[in-house]
Amino acid sequence: MEGFAWFLHKYVMHGFLWGLHRDHHVPHNKKLERNDFFSTVFGIPSWLFIMFGIMDGLDWKLYVGIGITLYGICYFFVHEVLIHQRLPFFKHTENVYFMALRKAHKVHHKHLGPEDGECFGMLLVPRKYFVEAAGYLKRKKGK
């Protein structure tokens, strides 16, 4: 799912559906964004895969639908709660992986337009952000 999500983010959300994703890259104080519409966009095929997978005798479509749903749940907790902190959990984490995720996403958001972006994935983070987070924690504990 991570590879598929990376592809969709880079070529669809930063491509022909940039109009829906744009407000996610612009600072604001709104509770909801147009970008939140993507949860519905991805929820529909998930529901259809699950429904048809059950109707066809628990075949592969059921598991594809479950995979999309689980990735969506993961997206909510990682992207909305951990990274953008829409809920007040993990605000002061010292977990290297969580810190690397946040940094990679921050780098992704420094680009306010659809082009020249980087770090389009959600769960897989380039090594340099792990190194940076670990170095920060080491310096912090050394004080």
Protein backbone atom coordinates (compact mmCIF):
# COMPACT_ATOMS: atom_id res chain seq x y z
CA MET A 1 0.00 0.00 0.00
CA GLU A 2 2.85 2.42 0.74
CA GLY A 3 4.10 2.30 -2.85
CA PHE A 4 0.60 2.77 -4.25
CA ALA A 5 -0.03 5.66 -1.80
CA TRP A 6 3.29 7.27 -2.82
CA PHE A 7 2.31 7.05 -6.49
CA LEU A 8 -1.16 8.51 -5.85
CA HIS A 9 0.24 11.31 -3.72
CA LYS A 10 2.93 12.29 -6.24
CA TYR A 11 1.06 11.90 -9.52
CA VAL A 12 -2.62 12.33 -8.61
CA MET A 13 -2.77 14.59 -5.55
CA HIS A 14 0.15 16.70 -6.81
CA GLY A 15 -1.12 16.25 -10.36
CA PHE A 16 -4.61 16.59 -11.76
CA LEU A 17 -6.28 16.63 -8.30
CA TRP A 18 -4.01 19.36 -6.94
CA GLY A 19 -7.11 21.58 -6.54
CA LEU A 20 -8.35 19.26 -3.77
CA HIS A 21 -4.93 18.77 -2.17
CA ARG A 22 -3.64 22.37 -2.37
CA ASP A 23 -5.16 23.60 0.90
CA HIS A 24 -3.23 20.90 2.75
CA HIS A 25 -0.01 22.71 1.80
CA VAL A 26 -1.16 26.20 2.77
CA PRO A 27 -1.09 27.25 6.44
CA HIS A 28 -4.57 27.85 7.87
CA ASN A 29 -6.67 27.45 11.01
CA LYS A 30 -9.56 25.48 9.50
CA LYS A 31 -10.67 22.21 11.12
CA LEU A 32 -11.43 20.59 7.75
CA GLU A 33 -9.63 20.87 4.43
CA ARG A 34 -10.67 20.04 0.89
CA ASN A 35 -7.89 17.47 1.15
CA ASP A 36 -10.01 15.59 3.72
CA PHE A 37 -12.30 14.64 0.82
CA PHE A 38 -9.69 12.03 -0.13
CA SER A 39 -10.77 9.89 2.82
CA THR A 40 -14.13 9.52 1.06
CA VAL A 41 -12.45 9.01 -2.30
CA PHE A 42 -10.40 6.10 -0.90
CA GLY A 43 -13.21 4.83 1.35
CA ILE A 44 -15.51 4.09 -1.59
CA PRO A 45 -13.24 1.57 -3.36
CA SER A 46 -12.40 0.02 0.00
CA TRP A 47 -16.09 -0.50 0.74
CA LEU A 48 -16.75 -1.84 -2.79
CA PHE A 49 -13.81 -4.28 -2.63
CA ILE A 50 -14.99 -5.56 0.76
CA MET A 51 -18.62 -5.85 -0.36
CA PHE A 52 -17.84 -7.64 -3.63
CA GLY A 53 -15.20 -9.78 -1.93
CA ILE A 54 -17.80 -11.03 0.55
CA MET A 55 -20.42 -11.49 -2.17
CA ASP A 56 -17.97 -13.54 -4.25
CA GLY A 57 -17.20 -15.98 -1.46
CA LEU A 58 -14.42 -14.24 0.48
CA ASP A 59 -12.09 -13.89 -2.48
CA TRP A 60 -9.10 -11.59 -3.02
CA LYS A 61 -11.24 -8.45 -3.32
CA LEU A 62 -12.15 -8.70 0.37
CA TYR A 63 -8.48 -8.61 1.34
CA VAL A 64 -7.71 -5.68 -0.98
CA GLY A 65 -10.57 -3.76 0.65
CA ILE A 66 -9.32 -4.65 4.12
CA GLY A 67 -5.81 -3.52 3.12
CA ILE A 68 -7.10 -0.14 1.91
CA THR A 69 -9.11 0.25 5.13
CA LEU A 70 -6.16 -0.62 7.37
CA TYR A 71 -3.93 1.81 5.47
CA GLY A 72 -6.63 4.48 5.91
CA ILE A 73 -6.71 3.86 9.66
CA CYS A 74 -2.91 4.02 9.73
CA TYR A 75 -3.06 7.25 7.70
CA PHE A 76 -5.39 8.82 10.25
CA PHE A 77 -3.18 7.97 13.22
CA VAL A 78 0.17 8.69 11.55
CA HIS A 79 -0.71 11.67 9.36
CA GLU A 80 -3.51 13.40 11.23
CA VAL A 81 -2.63 12.59 14.86
CA LEU A 82 1.15 12.15 14.90
CA ILE A 83 2.35 14.44 12.10
CA HIS A 84 -0.23 17.25 11.93
CA GLN A 85 -1.31 16.84 15.56
CA ARG A 86 -5.03 17.36 14.92
CA LEU A 87 -5.48 15.50 18.22
CA PRO A 88 -3.21 16.25 21.20
CA PHE A 89 -1.25 12.98 21.37
CA PHE A 90 2.49 12.48 20.82
CA LYS A 91 3.22 16.23 20.89
CA HIS A 92 6.58 15.82 22.63
CA THR A 93 7.73 12.42 21.44
CA GLU A 94 11.39 11.46 21.52
CA ASN A 95 10.91 8.42 19.31
CA VAL A 96 13.43 8.60 16.46
CA TYR A 97 11.03 7.08 13.90
CA PHE A 98 8.23 9.51 14.82
CA MET A 99 10.63 12.46 14.70
CA ALA A 100 11.93 11.33 11.29
CA LEU A 101 8.35 11.00 9.99
CA ARG A 102 7.53 14.53 11.12
CA LYS A 103 10.69 15.98 9.57
CA ALA A 104 10.15 14.25 6.23
CA HIS A 105 6.58 15.51 6.13
CA LYS A 106 7.71 19.01 7.07
CA VAL A 107 10.16 18.93 4.16
CA HIS A 108 7.31 17.76 1.91
CA HIS A 109 5.21 20.74 3.02
CA LYS A 110 7.90 23.34 2.38
CA HIS A 111 6.81 23.15 -1.26
CA LEU A 112 3.61 25.19 -1.58
CA GLY A 113 3.06 24.16 -5.19
CA PRO A 114 2.53 20.77 -6.81
CA GLU A 115 5.96 20.60 -8.44
CA ASP A 116 9.43 19.95 -7.03
CA GLY A 117 8.09 17.98 -4.08
CA GLU A 118 9.82 15.26 -2.10
CA CYS A 119 8.91 12.69 0.56
CA PHE A 120 5.57 11.61 -0.90
CA GLY A 121 5.29 8.47 1.20
CA MET A 122 3.85 8.21 4.67
CA LEU A 123 5.47 5.30 6.50
CA LEU A 124 8.80 4.86 4.73
CA VAL A 125 11.17 7.70 5.54
CA PRO A 126 14.53 8.44 3.89
CA ARG A 127 17.49 7.47 6.08
CA LYS A 128 18.78 11.04 6.36
CA TYR A 129 15.81 11.98 8.55
CA PHE A 130 16.53 9.11 10.95
CA VAL A 131 20.14 10.28 11.19
CA GLU A 132 19.01 13.85 11.81
CA ALA A 133 16.49 12.83 14.50
CA ALA A 134 18.99 10.57 16.26
CA GLY A 135 21.60 13.36 16.19
CA TYR A 136 19.12 15.83 17.65
CA LEU A 137 18.24 13.47 20.51
CA LYS A 138 21.92 12.76 21.18
CA ARG A 139 22.71 16.48 21.37
CA LYS A 140 19.63 17.10 23.54
CA LYS A 141 20.61 14.38 26.05
CA GLY A 142 24.21 15.55 26.06
CA LYS A 143 23.24 18.95 27.47
